[in-house]
PDB file of N, CA and C in Angstrom:
ATOM      1  N   MET A   1       2.247 -44.879  -8.239  1.00  0.00           N
ATOM      2  CA  MET A   1       1.234 -43.916  -8.578  1.00  0.00           C
ATOM      3  C   MET A   1       1.840 -42.825  -9.444  1.00  0.00           C
ATOM      4  N   GLY A   2       1.061 -42.344 -10.383  1.00  0.00           N
ATOM      5  CA  GLY A   2       1.520 -41.280 -11.268  1.00  0.00           C
ATOM      6  C   GLY A   2       1.306 -39.908 -10.641  1.00  0.00           C
ATOM      7  N   ARG A   3       2.032 -38.991 -11.137  1.00  0.00           N
ATOM      8  CA  ARG A   3       1.896 -37.613 -10.663  1.00  0.00           C
ATOM      9  C   ARG A   3       0.703 -36.941 -11.316  1.00  0.00           C
ATOM     10  N   ALA A   4      -0.036 -36.243 -10.540  1.00  0.00           N
ATOM     11  CA  ALA A   4      -1.161 -35.478 -11.085  1.00  0.00           C
ATOM     12  C   ALA A   4      -0.604 -34.217 -11.744  1.00  0.00           C
ATOM     13  N   THR A   5      -1.080 -33.921 -12.921  1.00  0.00           N
ATOM     14  CA  THR A   5      -0.627 -32.713 -13.597  1.00  0.00           C
ATOM     15  C   THR A   5      -1.723 -31.662 -13.547  1.00  0.00           C
ATOM     16  N   LEU A   6      -1.303 -30.446 -13.367  1.00  0.00           N
ATOM     17  CA  LEU A   6      -2.243 -29.336 -13.334  1.00  0.00           C
ATOM     18  C   LEU A   6      -2.483 -28.849 -14.748  1.00  0.00           C
ATOM     19  N   PRO A   7      -3.687 -28.388 -15.015  1.00  0.00           N
ATOM     20  CA  PRO A   7      -3.945 -27.855 -16.362  1.00  0.00           C
ATOM     21  C   PRO A   7      -3.119 -26.607 -16.605  1.00  0.00           C
ATOM     22  N   ARG A   8      -2.649 -26.464 -17.808  1.00  0.00           N
ATOM     23  CA  ARG A   8      -1.849 -25.298 -18.178  1.00  0.00           C
ATOM     24  C   ARG A   8      -2.770 -24.102 -18.385  1.00  0.00           C
ATOM     25  N   VAL A   9      -2.399 -22.996 -17.778  1.00  0.00           N
ATOM     26  CA  VAL A   9      -3.187 -21.765 -17.897  1.00  0.00           C
ATOM     27  C   VAL A   9      -2.402 -20.798 -18.766  1.00  0.00           C
ATOM     28  N   THR A  10      -3.061 -20.251 -19.764  1.00  0.00           N
ATOM     29  CA  THR A  10      -2.405 -19.251 -20.600  1.00  0.00           C
ATOM     30  C   THR A  10      -3.053 -17.900 -20.349  1.00  0.00           C
ATOM     31  N   LEU A  11      -2.211 -16.907 -20.154  1.00  0.00           N
ATOM     32  CA  LEU A  11      -2.697 -15.552 -19.926  1.00  0.00           C
ATOM     33  C   LEU A  11      -2.858 -14.845 -21.259  1.00  0.00           C
ATOM     34  N   PRO A  12      -3.797 -13.935 -21.347  1.00  0.00           N
ATOM     35  CA  PRO A  12      -3.914 -13.153 -22.573  1.00  0.00           C
ATOM     36  C   PRO A  12      -2.630 -12.381 -22.817  1.00  0.00           C
ATOM     37  N   LYS A  13      -2.284 -12.175 -24.068  1.00  0.00           N
ATOM     38  CA  LYS A  13      -1.040 -11.482 -24.397  1.00  0.00           C
ATOM     39  C   LYS A  13      -1.005 -10.067 -23.836  1.00  0.00           C
ATOM     40  N   SER A  14      -2.138  -9.442 -23.652  1.00  0.00           N
ATOM     41  CA  SER A  14      -2.171  -8.074 -23.148  1.00  0.00           C
ATOM     42  C   SER A  14      -2.119  -8.002 -21.625  1.00  0.00           C
ATOM     43  N   ALA A  15      -2.049  -9.140 -20.941  1.00  0.00           N
ATOM     44  CA  ALA A  15      -2.118  -9.140 -19.476  1.00  0.00           C
ATOM     45  C   ALA A  15      -1.028  -8.292 -18.839  1.00  0.00           C
ATOM     46  N   GLY A  16       0.194  -8.333 -19.340  1.00  0.00           N
ATOM     47  CA  GLY A  16       1.252  -7.553 -18.722  1.00  0.00           C
ATOM     48  C   GLY A  16       1.993  -6.695 -19.712  1.00  0.00           C
ATOM     49  N   ALA A  17       1.491  -6.609 -20.923  1.00  0.00           N
ATOM     50  CA  ALA A  17       2.212  -5.898 -21.971  1.00  0.00           C
ATOM     51  C   ALA A  17       2.384  -4.417 -21.656  1.00  0.00           C
ATOM     52  N   ASN A  18       1.372  -3.770 -21.097  1.00  0.00           N
ATOM     53  CA  ASN A  18       1.432  -2.331 -20.843  1.00  0.00           C
ATOM     54  C   ASN A  18       1.703  -2.005 -19.380  1.00  0.00           C
ATOM     55  N   ARG A  19       1.934  -3.003 -18.580  1.00  0.00           N
ATOM     56  CA  ARG A  19       2.093  -2.793 -17.147  1.00  0.00           C
ATOM     57  C   ARG A  19       3.544  -2.463 -16.821  1.00  0.00           C
ATOM     58  N   ARG A  20       3.731  -1.368 -16.078  1.00  0.00           N
ATOM     59  CA  ARG A  20       5.074  -1.006 -15.626  1.00  0.00           C
ATOM     60  C   ARG A  20       5.331  -1.692 -14.293  1.00  0.00           C
ATOM     61  N   PRO A  21       6.592  -1.996 -13.995  1.00  0.00           N
ATOM     62  CA  PRO A  21       6.878  -2.586 -12.680  1.00  0.00           C
ATOM     63  C   PRO A  21       6.531  -1.591 -11.578  1.00  0.00           C
ATOM     64  N   LEU A  22       6.271  -2.104 -10.402  1.00  0.00           N
ATOM     65  CA  LEU A  22       5.958  -1.233  -9.268  1.00  0.00           C
ATOM     66  C   LEU A  22       7.193  -0.432  -8.880  1.00  0.00           C
ATOM     67  N   ALA A  23       6.966   0.772  -8.389  1.00  0.00           N
ATOM     68  CA  ALA A  23       8.054   1.638  -7.954  1.00  0.00           C
ATOM     69  C   ALA A  23       8.549   1.189  -6.586  1.00  0.00           C
ATOM     70  N   THR A  24       9.862   1.136  -6.415  1.00  0.00           N
ATOM     71  CA  THR A  24      10.482   0.793  -5.146  1.00  0.00           C
ATOM     72  C   THR A  24      10.835   2.079  -4.404  1.00  0.00           C
ATOM     73  N   VAL A  25      11.238   1.940  -3.154  1.00  0.00           N
ATOM     74  CA  VAL A  25      11.654   3.113  -2.373  1.00  0.00           C
ATOM     75  C   VAL A  25      12.810   3.840  -3.064  1.00  0.00           C
ATOM     76  N   PRO A  26      13.849   3.123  -3.532  1.00  0.00           N
ATOM     77  CA  PRO A  26      14.915   3.844  -4.242  1.00  0.00           C
ATOM     78  C   PRO A  26      14.423   4.540  -5.523  1.00  0.00           C
ATOM     79  N   ASP A  27      13.486   3.916  -6.231  1.00  0.00           N
ATOM     80  CA  ASP A  27      12.919   4.543  -7.432  1.00  0.00           C
ATOM     81  C   ASP A  27      12.226   5.861  -7.080  1.00  0.00           C
ATOM     82  N   ILE A  28      11.435   5.837  -6.014  1.00  0.00           N
ATOM     83  CA  ILE A  28      10.683   7.024  -5.612  1.00  0.00           C
ATOM     84  C   ILE A  28      11.626   8.111  -5.108  1.00  0.00           C
ATOM     85  N   ALA A  29      12.644   7.703  -4.345  1.00  0.00           N
ATOM     86  CA  ALA A  29      13.628   8.670  -3.860  1.00  0.00           C
ATOM     87  C   ALA A  29      14.341   9.339  -5.026  1.00  0.00           C
ATOM     88  N   GLU A  30      14.705   8.572  -6.030  1.00  0.00           N
ATOM     89  CA  GLU A  30      15.363   9.138  -7.206  1.00  0.00           C
ATOM     90  C   GLU A  30      14.414  10.053  -7.980  1.00  0.00           C
ATOM     91  N   HIS A  31      13.160   9.626  -8.118  1.00  0.00           N
ATOM     92  CA  HIS A  31      12.165  10.404  -8.843  1.00  0.00           C
ATOM     93  C   HIS A  31      11.995  11.801  -8.236  1.00  0.00           C
ATOM     94  N   TYR A  32      11.947  11.870  -6.899  1.00  0.00           N
ATOM     95  CA  TYR A  32      11.734  13.150  -6.224  1.00  0.00           C
ATOM     96  C   TYR A  32      13.039  13.822  -5.780  1.00  0.00           C
ATOM     97  N   GLY A  33      14.163  13.133  -5.924  1.00  0.00           N
ATOM     98  CA  GLY A  33      15.443  13.712  -5.539  1.00  0.00           C
ATOM     99  C   GLY A  33      15.600  13.891  -4.040  1.00  0.00           C
ATOM    100  N   VAL A  34      15.123  12.908  -3.291  1.00  0.00           N
ATOM    101  CA  VAL A  34      15.196  12.963  -1.830  1.00  0.00           C
ATOM    102  C   VAL A  34      15.872  11.690  -1.310  1.00  0.00           C
ATOM    103  N   PRO A  35      16.331  11.698  -0.053  1.00  0.00           N
ATOM    104  CA  PRO A  35      16.928  10.493   0.530  1.00  0.00           C
ATOM    105  C   PRO A  35      15.891   9.384   0.739  1.00  0.00           C
ATOM    106  N   LEU A  36      16.377   8.147   0.813  1.00  0.00           N
ATOM    107  CA  LEU A  36      15.499   6.990   1.059  1.00  0.00           C
ATOM    108  C   LEU A  36      14.725   7.164   2.356  1.00  0.00           C
ATOM    109  N   LYS A  37      15.402   7.707   3.373  1.00  0.00           N
ATOM    110  CA  LYS A  37      14.781   7.899   4.683  1.00  0.00           C
ATOM    111  C   LYS A  37      13.550   8.805   4.577  1.00  0.00           C
ATOM    112  N   THR A  38      13.598   9.786   3.710  1.00  0.00           N
ATOM    113  CA  THR A  38      12.466  10.699   3.528  1.00  0.00           C
ATOM    114  C   THR A  38      11.262   9.958   2.956  1.00  0.00           C
ATOM    115  N   VAL A  39      11.510   9.092   1.986  1.00  0.00           N
ATOM    116  CA  VAL A  39      10.410   8.325   1.389  1.00  0.00           C
ATOM    117  C   VAL A  39       9.778   7.425   2.438  1.00  0.00           C
ATOM    118  N   ARG A  40      10.570   6.794   3.272  1.00  0.00           N
ATOM    119  CA  ARG A  40      10.023   5.939   4.341  1.00  0.00           C
ATOM    120  C   ARG A  40       9.239   6.777   5.360  1.00  0.00           C
ATOM    121  N   TYR A  41       9.727   7.986   5.632  1.00  0.00           N
ATOM    122  CA  TYR A  41       9.021   8.894   6.539  1.00  0.00           C
ATOM    123  C   TYR A  41       7.662   9.276   5.957  1.00  0.00           C
ATOM    124  N   TRP A  42       7.632   9.575   4.665  1.00  0.00           N
ATOM    125  CA  TRP A  42       6.360   9.890   4.005  1.00  0.00           C
ATOM    126  C   TRP A  42       5.367   8.752   4.182  1.00  0.00           C
ATOM    127  N   HIS A  43       5.854   7.528   4.040  1.00  0.00           N
ATOM    128  CA  HIS A  43       4.955   6.375   4.192  1.00  0.00           C
ATOM    129  C   HIS A  43       4.467   6.263   5.634  1.00  0.00           C
ATOM    130  N   GLN A  44       5.375   6.407   6.591  1.00  0.00           N
ATOM    131  CA  GLN A  44       5.001   6.274   8.006  1.00  0.00           C
ATOM    132  C   GLN A  44       3.989   7.332   8.427  1.00  0.00           C
ATOM    133  N   THR A  45       4.147   8.539   7.911  1.00  0.00           N
ATOM    134  CA  THR A  45       3.253   9.638   8.305  1.00  0.00           C
ATOM    135  C   THR A  45       2.085   9.813   7.344  1.00  0.00           C
ATOM    136  N   GLN A  46       2.072   9.006   6.271  1.00  0.00           N
ATOM    137  CA  GLN A  46       1.013   9.084   5.257  1.00  0.00           C
ATOM    138  C   GLN A  46       0.899  10.503   4.697  1.00  0.00           C
ATOM    139  N   THR A  47       2.051  11.119   4.427  1.00  0.00           N
ATOM    140  CA  THR A  47       2.090  12.453   3.838  1.00  0.00           C
ATOM    141  C   THR A  47       2.683  12.367   2.442  1.00  0.00           C
ATOM    142  N   GLY A  48       2.405  13.368   1.638  1.00  0.00           N
ATOM    143  CA  GLY A  48       2.942  13.394   0.274  1.00  0.00           C
ATOM    144  C   GLY A  48       2.608  12.126  -0.478  1.00  0.00           C
ATOM    145  N   PRO A  49       3.513  11.685  -1.328  1.00  0.00           N
ATOM    146  CA  PRO A  49       3.253  10.468  -2.097  1.00  0.00           C
ATOM    147  C   PRO A  49       3.336   9.205  -1.241  1.00  0.00           C
ATOM    148  N   GLY A  50       3.703   9.354   0.034  1.00  0.00           N
ATOM    149  CA  GLY A  50       3.756   8.196   0.924  1.00  0.00           C
ATOM    150  C   GLY A  50       2.412   7.526   1.106  1.00  0.00           C
ATOM    151  N   CYS A  51       1.330   8.289   0.939  1.00  0.00           N
ATOM    152  CA  CYS A  51      -0.006   7.707   1.085  1.00  0.00           C
ATOM    153  C   CYS A  51      -0.317   6.743  -0.058  1.00  0.00           C
ATOM    154  N   LEU A  52       0.464   6.795  -1.135  1.00  0.00           N
ATOM    155  CA  LEU A  52       0.239   5.914  -2.275  1.00  0.00           C
ATOM    156  C   LEU A  52       0.943   4.570  -2.120  1.00  0.00           C
ATOM    157  N   MET A  53       1.813   4.474  -1.140  1.00  0.00           N
ATOM    158  CA  MET A  53       2.640   3.285  -0.988  1.00  0.00           C
ATOM    159  C   MET A  53       1.919   2.199  -0.212  1.00  0.00           C
ATOM    160  N   PHE A  54       2.267   0.960  -0.524  1.00  0.00           N
ATOM    161  CA  PHE A  54       1.682  -0.190   0.140  1.00  0.00           C
ATOM    162  C   PHE A  54       2.745  -1.268   0.279  1.00  0.00           C
ATOM    163  N   ARG A  55       2.484  -2.219   1.146  1.00  0.00           N
ATOM    164  CA  ARG A  55       3.447  -3.285   1.392  1.00  0.00           C
ATOM    165  C   ARG A  55       3.175  -4.467   0.475  1.00  0.00           C
ATOM    166  N   VAL A  56       4.261  -5.001  -0.064  1.00  0.00           N
ATOM    167  CA  VAL A  56       4.240  -6.267  -0.794  1.00  0.00           C
ATOM    168  C   VAL A  56       5.208  -7.143  -0.015  1.00  0.00           C
ATOM    169  N   GLY A  57       4.661  -7.975   0.855  1.00  0.00           N
ATOM    170  CA  GLY A  57       5.517  -8.707   1.781  1.00  0.00           C
ATOM    171  C   GLY A  57       6.151  -7.714   2.729  1.00  0.00           C
ATOM    172  N   LYS A  58       7.487  -7.702   2.784  1.00  0.00           N
ATOM    173  CA  LYS A  58       8.166  -6.744   3.661  1.00  0.00           C
ATOM    174  C   LYS A  58       8.628  -5.499   2.923  1.00  0.00           C
ATOM    175  N   TYR A  59       8.294  -5.393   1.659  1.00  0.00           N
ATOM    176  CA  TYR A  59       8.779  -4.291   0.823  1.00  0.00           C
ATOM    177  C   TYR A  59       7.690  -3.248   0.566  1.00  0.00           C
ATOM    178  N   LEU A  60       8.101  -1.977   0.497  1.00  0.00           N
ATOM    179  CA  LEU A  60       7.184  -0.893   0.134  1.00  0.00           C
ATOM    180  C   LEU A  60       7.195  -0.723  -1.376  1.00  0.00           C
ATOM    181  N   ARG A  61       6.023  -0.573  -1.949  1.00  0.00           N
ATOM    182  CA  ARG A  61       5.896  -0.372  -3.388  1.00  0.00           C
ATOM    183  C   ARG A  61       4.813   0.663  -3.649  1.00  0.00           C
ATOM    184  N   ALA A  62       4.828   1.207  -4.865  1.00  0.00           N
ATOM    185  CA  ALA A  62       3.789   2.136  -5.315  1.00  0.00           C
ATOM    186  C   ALA A  62       3.592   1.921  -6.808  1.00  0.00           C
ATOM    187  N   ARG A  63       2.406   2.235  -7.283  1.00  0.00           N
ATOM    188  CA  ARG A  63       2.130   2.149  -8.721  1.00  0.00           C
ATOM    189  C   ARG A  63       2.600   3.434  -9.387  1.00  0.00           C
ATOM    190  N   TRP A  64       3.312   3.318 -10.491  1.00  0.00           N
ATOM    191  CA  TRP A  64       3.785   4.501 -11.205  1.00  0.00           C
ATOM    192  C   TRP A  64       2.628   5.362 -11.690  1.00  0.00           C
ATOM    193  N   ASP A  65       1.523   4.740 -12.076  1.00  0.00           N
ATOM    194  CA  ASP A  65       0.357   5.517 -12.517  1.00  0.00           C
ATOM    195  C   ASP A  65      -0.153   6.420 -11.393  1.00  0.00           C
ATOM    196  N   ASP A  66      -0.140   5.893 -10.149  1.00  0.00           N
ATOM    197  CA  ASP A  66      -0.576   6.695  -9.000  1.00  0.00           C
ATOM    198  C   ASP A  66       0.397   7.845  -8.741  1.00  0.00           C
ATOM    199  N   ILE A  67       1.691   7.572  -8.874  1.00  0.00           N
ATOM    200  CA  ILE A  67       2.695   8.617  -8.674  1.00  0.00           C
ATOM    201  C   ILE A  67       2.554   9.697  -9.738  1.00  0.00           C
ATOM    202  N   ASP A  68       2.360   9.269 -10.992  1.00  0.00           N
ATOM    203  CA  ASP A  68       2.170  10.240 -12.074  1.00  0.00           C
ATOM    204  C   ASP A  68       0.939  11.114 -11.822  1.00  0.00           C
ATOM    205  N   GLN A  69      -0.139  10.501 -11.337  1.00  0.00           N
ATOM    206  CA  GLN A  69      -1.356  11.252 -11.032  1.00  0.00           C
ATOM    207  C   GLN A  69      -1.121  12.224  -9.889  1.00  0.00           C
ATOM    208  N   TYR A  70      -0.402  11.770  -8.860  1.00  0.00           N
ATOM    209  CA  TYR A  70      -0.070  12.637  -7.718  1.00  0.00           C
ATOM    210  C   TYR A  70       0.728  13.847  -8.205  1.00  0.00           C
ATOM    211  N   ASP A  71       1.721  13.592  -9.066  1.00  0.00           N
ATOM    212  CA  ASP A  71       2.543  14.683  -9.596  1.00  0.00           C
ATOM    213  C   ASP A  71       1.687  15.676 -10.387  1.00  0.00           C
ATOM    214  N   ALA A  72       0.775  15.148 -11.194  1.00  0.00           N
ATOM    215  CA  ALA A  72      -0.102  16.016 -11.985  1.00  0.00           C
ATOM    216  C   ALA A  72      -1.003  16.846 -11.083  1.00  0.00           C
ATOM    217  N   ASP A  73      -1.516  16.225 -10.027  1.00  0.00           N
ATOM    218  CA  ASP A  73      -2.374  16.958  -9.075  1.00  0.00           C
ATOM    219  C   ASP A  73      -1.587  18.066  -8.380  1.00  0.00           C
ATOM    220  N   GLN A  74      -0.331  17.787  -8.034  1.00  0.00           N
ATOM    221  CA  GLN A  74       0.490  18.785  -7.357  1.00  0.00           C
ATOM    222  C   GLN A  74       0.850  19.935  -8.299  1.00  0.00           C
ATOM    223  N   ALA A  75       0.899  19.645  -9.586  1.00  0.00           N
ATOM    224  CA  ALA A  75       1.228  20.670 -10.576  1.00  0.00           C
ATOM    225  C   ALA A  75      -0.016  21.425 -11.039  1.00  0.00           C
ATOM    226  N   GLY A  76      -1.119  21.225 -10.364  1.00  0.00           N
ATOM    227  CA  GLY A  76      -2.338  21.943 -10.698  1.00  0.00           C
ATOM    228  C   GLY A  76      -3.174  21.237 -11.762  1.00  0.00           C
ATOM    229  N   GLY A  77      -3.001  19.921 -11.882  1.00  0.00           N
ATOM    230  CA  GLY A  77      -3.798  19.154 -12.823  1.00  0.00           C
ATOM    231  C   GLY A  77      -3.202  19.071 -14.209  1.00  0.00           C
ATOM    232  N   ALA A  78      -2.071  19.708 -14.427  1.00  0.00           N
ATOM    233  CA  ALA A  78      -1.429  19.623 -15.751  1.00  0.00           C
ATOM    234  C   ALA A  78      -0.855  18.228 -15.921  1.00  0.00           C
ATOM    235  N   ALA A  79      -0.847  17.751 -17.156  1.00  0.00           N
ATOM    236  CA  ALA A  79      -0.312  16.416 -17.435  1.00  0.00           C
ATOM    237  C   ALA A  79       1.167  16.383 -17.079  1.00  0.00           C
ATOM    238  N   ALA A  80       1.557  15.320 -16.384  1.00  0.00           N
ATOM    239  CA  ALA A  80       2.962  15.196 -15.970  1.00  0.00           C
ATOM    240  C   ALA A  80       3.828  14.706 -17.105  1.00  0.00           C
TER     241      ALA A  80
END
């Protein structure tokens, strides 16, 4: 018997062109100048930018756009 082949799917060129990778705990800690433990605490207590974080498998991640918006909101709405 022959192997069944799946149809090839092509994504639009713009699908990931402007997308930044998700922020990791070390990225967020570096961004705010705090220890990794603090970032995990923020997530556990849903305080500060920790409320923006979500799980991808066993890893915590956040969208940079959400972090940038959070920073702008904390600065009084000024562009970050």
